[in-house]
Amino acid sequence: MLSRIAAAVVPSLGRLTVTSDHATAPAAGSIIVANHTSLADPGI
C-alpha cells in the first residue's frame, strides 16, 4: 500500500534517484539516507 502511494506522490513532487555511485557528489538539495537492511547500518 505504501509503495502505491509513493509511486503516485513522488513523480508529482520531483525526481527520485537511487544510486550507489560514489564517483559523483550529491546534487544540491539531495537527501542522503542509509539503507537499514544490515545490522551494521543503524550505527550510521
PDB file of N, CA and C in Angstrom:
ATOM      1  N   MET A   1       0.818  -1.192   0.000  1.00  0.00           N
ATOM      2  CA  MET A   1       0.000   0.000   0.000  1.00  0.00           C
ATOM      3  C   MET A   1       0.866   1.261   0.000  1.00  0.00           C
ATOM      4  N   LEU A   2       1.889   1.290   0.821  1.00  0.00           N
ATOM      5  CA  LEU A   2       2.757   2.467   0.871  1.00  0.00           C
ATOM      6  C   LEU A   2       3.468   2.680  -0.460  1.00  0.00           C
ATOM      7  N   SER A   3       3.909   1.608  -1.109  1.00  0.00           N
ATOM      8  CA  SER A   3       4.604   1.768  -2.382  1.00  0.00           C
ATOM      9  C   SER A   3       3.676   2.317  -3.461  1.00  0.00           C
ATOM     10  N   ARG A   4       2.389   1.984  -3.409  1.00  0.00           N
ATOM     11  CA  ARG A   4       1.435   2.553  -4.370  1.00  0.00           C
ATOM     12  C   ARG A   4       1.261   4.046  -4.137  1.00  0.00           C
ATOM     13  N   ILE A   5       1.200   4.428  -2.879  1.00  0.00           N
ATOM     14  CA  ILE A   5       1.078   5.857  -2.554  1.00  0.00           C
ATOM     15  C   ILE A   5       2.341   6.595  -2.984  1.00  0.00           C
ATOM     16  N   ALA A   6       3.496   6.014  -2.686  1.00  0.00           N
ATOM     17  CA  ALA A   6       4.767   6.637  -3.069  1.00  0.00           C
ATOM     18  C   ALA A   6       4.887   6.747  -4.582  1.00  0.00           C
ATOM     19  N   ALA A   7       4.438   5.725  -5.307  1.00  0.00           N
ATOM     20  CA  ALA A   7       4.503   5.759  -6.768  1.00  0.00           C
ATOM     21  C   ALA A   7       3.642   6.877  -7.336  1.00  0.00           C
ATOM     22  N   ALA A   8       2.577   7.226  -6.638  1.00  0.00           N
ATOM     23  CA  ALA A   8       1.711   8.310  -7.102  1.00  0.00           C
ATOM     24  C   ALA A   8       2.229   9.680  -6.684  1.00  0.00           C
ATOM     25  N   VAL A   9       2.829   9.782  -5.500  1.00  0.00           N
ATOM     26  CA  VAL A   9       3.230  11.077  -4.950  1.00  0.00           C
ATOM     27  C   VAL A   9       4.599  11.533  -5.443  1.00  0.00           C
ATOM     28  N   VAL A  10       5.560  10.635  -5.520  1.00  0.00           N
ATOM     29  CA  VAL A  10       6.938  11.021  -5.842  1.00  0.00           C
ATOM     30  C   VAL A  10       7.049  11.726  -7.193  1.00  0.00           C
ATOM     31  N   PRO A  11       6.438  11.228  -8.272  1.00  0.00           N
ATOM     32  CA  PRO A  11       6.571  11.951  -9.546  1.00  0.00           C
ATOM     33  C   PRO A  11       6.009  13.372  -9.502  1.00  0.00           C
ATOM     34  N   SER A  12       5.029  13.614  -8.677  1.00  0.00           N
ATOM     35  CA  SER A  12       4.463  14.962  -8.614  1.00  0.00           C
ATOM     36  C   SER A  12       5.327  15.915  -7.795  1.00  0.00           C
ATOM     37  N   LEU A  13       6.162  15.383  -6.919  1.00  0.00           N
ATOM     38  CA  LEU A  13       6.999  16.228  -6.065  1.00  0.00           C
ATOM     39  C   LEU A  13       8.396  16.463  -6.617  1.00  0.00           C
ATOM     40  N   GLY A  14       8.837  15.624  -7.526  1.00  0.00           N
ATOM     41  CA  GLY A  14      10.170  15.829  -8.071  1.00  0.00           C
ATOM     42  C   GLY A  14      10.797  14.547  -8.543  1.00  0.00           C
ATOM     43  N   ARG A  15      12.107  14.528  -8.561  1.00  0.00           N
ATOM     44  CA  ARG A  15      12.862  13.421  -9.112  1.00  0.00           C
ATOM     45  C   ARG A  15      13.320  12.503  -7.990  1.00  0.00           C
ATOM     46  N   LEU A  16      13.200  11.197  -8.197  1.00  0.00           N
ATOM     47  CA  LEU A  16      13.685  10.214  -7.236  1.00  0.00           C
ATOM     48  C   LEU A  16      14.755   9.392  -7.914  1.00  0.00           C
ATOM     49  N   THR A  17      15.960   9.420  -7.373  1.00  0.00           N
ATOM     50  CA  THR A  17      17.061   8.659  -7.926  1.00  0.00           C
ATOM     51  C   THR A  17      17.682   7.827  -6.825  1.00  0.00           C
ATOM     52  N   VAL A  18      17.878   6.552  -7.118  1.00  0.00           N
ATOM     53  CA  VAL A  18      18.536   5.653  -6.181  1.00  0.00           C
ATOM     54  C   VAL A  18      19.833   5.213  -6.832  1.00  0.00           C
ATOM     55  N   THR A  19      20.952   5.444  -6.154  1.00  0.00           N
ATOM     56  CA  THR A  19      22.237   5.102  -6.741  1.00  0.00           C
ATOM     57  C   THR A  19      23.224   4.699  -5.667  1.00  0.00           C
ATOM     58  N   SER A  20      24.222   3.939  -6.080  1.00  0.00           N
ATOM     59  CA  SER A  20      25.333   3.619  -5.185  1.00  0.00           C
ATOM     60  C   SER A  20      26.637   4.139  -5.784  1.00  0.00           C
ATOM     61  N   ASP A  21      26.526   5.082  -6.715  1.00  0.00           N
ATOM     62  CA  ASP A  21      27.678   5.661  -7.391  1.00  0.00           C
ATOM     63  C   ASP A  21      28.400   6.615  -6.448  1.00  0.00           C
ATOM     64  N   HIS A  22      29.642   6.285  -6.117  1.00  0.00           N
ATOM     65  CA  HIS A  22      30.425   7.109  -5.197  1.00  0.00           C
ATOM     66  C   HIS A  22      31.318   8.106  -5.932  1.00  0.00           C
ATOM     67  N   ALA A  23      31.333   8.046  -7.256  1.00  0.00           N
ATOM     68  CA  ALA A  23      32.236   8.901  -8.022  1.00  0.00           C
ATOM     69  C   ALA A  23      31.725  10.334  -8.150  1.00  0.00           C
ATOM     70  N   THR A  24      30.448  10.539  -7.941  1.00  0.00           N
ATOM     71  CA  THR A  24      29.897  11.882  -8.094  1.00  0.00           C
ATOM     72  C   THR A  24      29.428  12.426  -6.752  1.00  0.00           C
ATOM     73  N   ALA A  25      29.409  13.725  -6.654  1.00  0.00           N
ATOM     74  CA  ALA A  25      28.912  14.375  -5.434  1.00  0.00           C
ATOM     75  C   ALA A  25      27.386  14.441  -5.493  1.00  0.00           C
ATOM     76  N   PRO A  26      26.729  14.436  -4.349  1.00  0.00           N
ATOM     77  CA  PRO A  26      25.265  14.565  -4.350  1.00  0.00           C
ATOM     78  C   PRO A  26      24.829  15.912  -4.932  1.00  0.00           C
ATOM     79  N   ALA A  27      23.729  15.906  -5.631  1.00  0.00           N
ATOM     80  CA  ALA A  27      23.196  17.143  -6.210  1.00  0.00           C
ATOM     81  C   ALA A  27      22.692  18.053  -5.097  1.00  0.00           C
ATOM     82  N   ALA A  28      22.610  19.321  -5.381  1.00  0.00           N
ATOM     83  CA  ALA A  28      22.106  20.279  -4.396  1.00  0.00           C
ATOM     84  C   ALA A  28      20.674  19.922  -4.016  1.00  0.00           C
ATOM     85  N   GLY A  29      20.385  19.953  -2.733  1.00  0.00           N
ATOM     86  CA  GLY A  29      19.051  19.623  -2.253  1.00  0.00           C
ATOM     87  C   GLY A  29      18.812  18.144  -2.060  1.00  0.00           C
ATOM     88  N   SER A  30      19.846  17.327  -2.209  1.00  0.00           N
ATOM     89  CA  SER A  30      19.695  15.878  -2.059  1.00  0.00           C
ATOM     90  C   SER A  30      19.540  15.484  -0.600  1.00  0.00           C
ATOM     91  N   ILE A  31      18.843  14.406  -0.383  1.00  0.00           N
ATOM     92  CA  ILE A  31      18.700  13.824   0.945  1.00  0.00           C
ATOM     93  C   ILE A  31      19.397  12.473   0.918  1.00  0.00           C
ATOM     94  N   ILE A  32      20.349  12.269   1.814  1.00  0.00           N
ATOM     95  CA  ILE A  32      21.105  11.019   1.869  1.00  0.00           C
ATOM     96  C   ILE A  32      20.546  10.185   3.007  1.00  0.00           C
ATOM     97  N   VAL A  33      20.157   8.953   2.689  1.00  0.00           N
ATOM     98  CA  VAL A  33      19.514   8.073   3.659  1.00  0.00           C
ATOM     99  C   VAL A  33      20.239   6.740   3.670  1.00  0.00           C
ATOM    100  N   ALA A  34      20.548   6.239   4.858  1.00  0.00           N
ATOM    101  CA  ALA A  34      21.166   4.918   4.982  1.00  0.00           C
ATOM    102  C   ALA A  34      20.106   3.839   4.817  1.00  0.00           C
ATOM    103  N   ASN A  35      20.476   2.754   4.156  1.00  0.00           N
ATOM    104  CA  ASN A  35      19.583   1.613   3.977  1.00  0.00           C
ATOM    105  C   ASN A  35      19.787   0.687   5.169  1.00  0.00           C
ATOM    106  N   HIS A  36      18.795   0.563   6.025  1.00  0.00           N
ATOM    107  CA  HIS A  36      18.932  -0.204   7.261  1.00  0.00           C
ATOM    108  C   HIS A  36      18.541  -1.665   7.098  1.00  0.00           C
ATOM    109  N   THR A  37      19.149  -2.355   6.128  1.00  0.00           N
ATOM    110  CA  THR A  37      18.860  -3.773   5.945  1.00  0.00           C
ATOM    111  C   THR A  37      19.916  -4.643   6.604  1.00  0.00           C
ATOM    112  N   SER A  38      20.957  -4.048   7.120  1.00  0.00           N
ATOM    113  CA  SER A  38      22.038  -4.778   7.763  1.00  0.00           C
ATOM    114  C   SER A  38      22.102  -4.389   9.230  1.00  0.00           C
ATOM    115  N   LEU A  39      22.632  -5.256  10.055  1.00  0.00           N
ATOM    116  CA  LEU A  39      22.772  -4.936  11.471  1.00  0.00           C
ATOM    117  C   LEU A  39      23.798  -3.837  11.710  1.00  0.00           C
ATOM    118  N   ALA A  40      24.728  -3.643  10.763  1.00  0.00           N
ATOM    119  CA  ALA A  40      25.751  -2.614  10.918  1.00  0.00           C
ATOM    120  C   ALA A  40      25.220  -1.226  10.558  1.00  0.00           C
ATOM    121  N   ASP A  41      24.190  -1.136   9.727  1.00  0.00           N
ATOM    122  CA  ASP A  41      23.690   0.152   9.255  1.00  0.00           C
ATOM    123  C   ASP A  41      23.127   1.072  10.334  1.00  0.00           C
ATOM    124  N   PRO A  42      22.430   0.587  11.365  1.00  0.00           N
ATOM    125  CA  PRO A  42      21.884   1.536  12.349  1.00  0.00           C
ATOM    126  C   PRO A  42      22.935   2.407  13.039  1.00  0.00           C
ATOM    127  N   GLY A  43      24.191   2.021  12.981  1.00  0.00           N
ATOM    128  CA  GLY A  43      25.245   2.832  13.572  1.00  0.00           C
ATOM    129  C   GLY A  43      25.607   4.036  12.730  1.00  0.00           C
ATOM    130  N   ILE A  44      25.122   4.099  11.509  1.00  0.00           N
ATOM    131  CA  ILE A  44      25.475   5.198  10.593  1.00  0.00           C
ATOM    132  C   ILE A  44      24.667   6.427  10.918  1.00  0.00           C
TER     133      ILE A  44
END
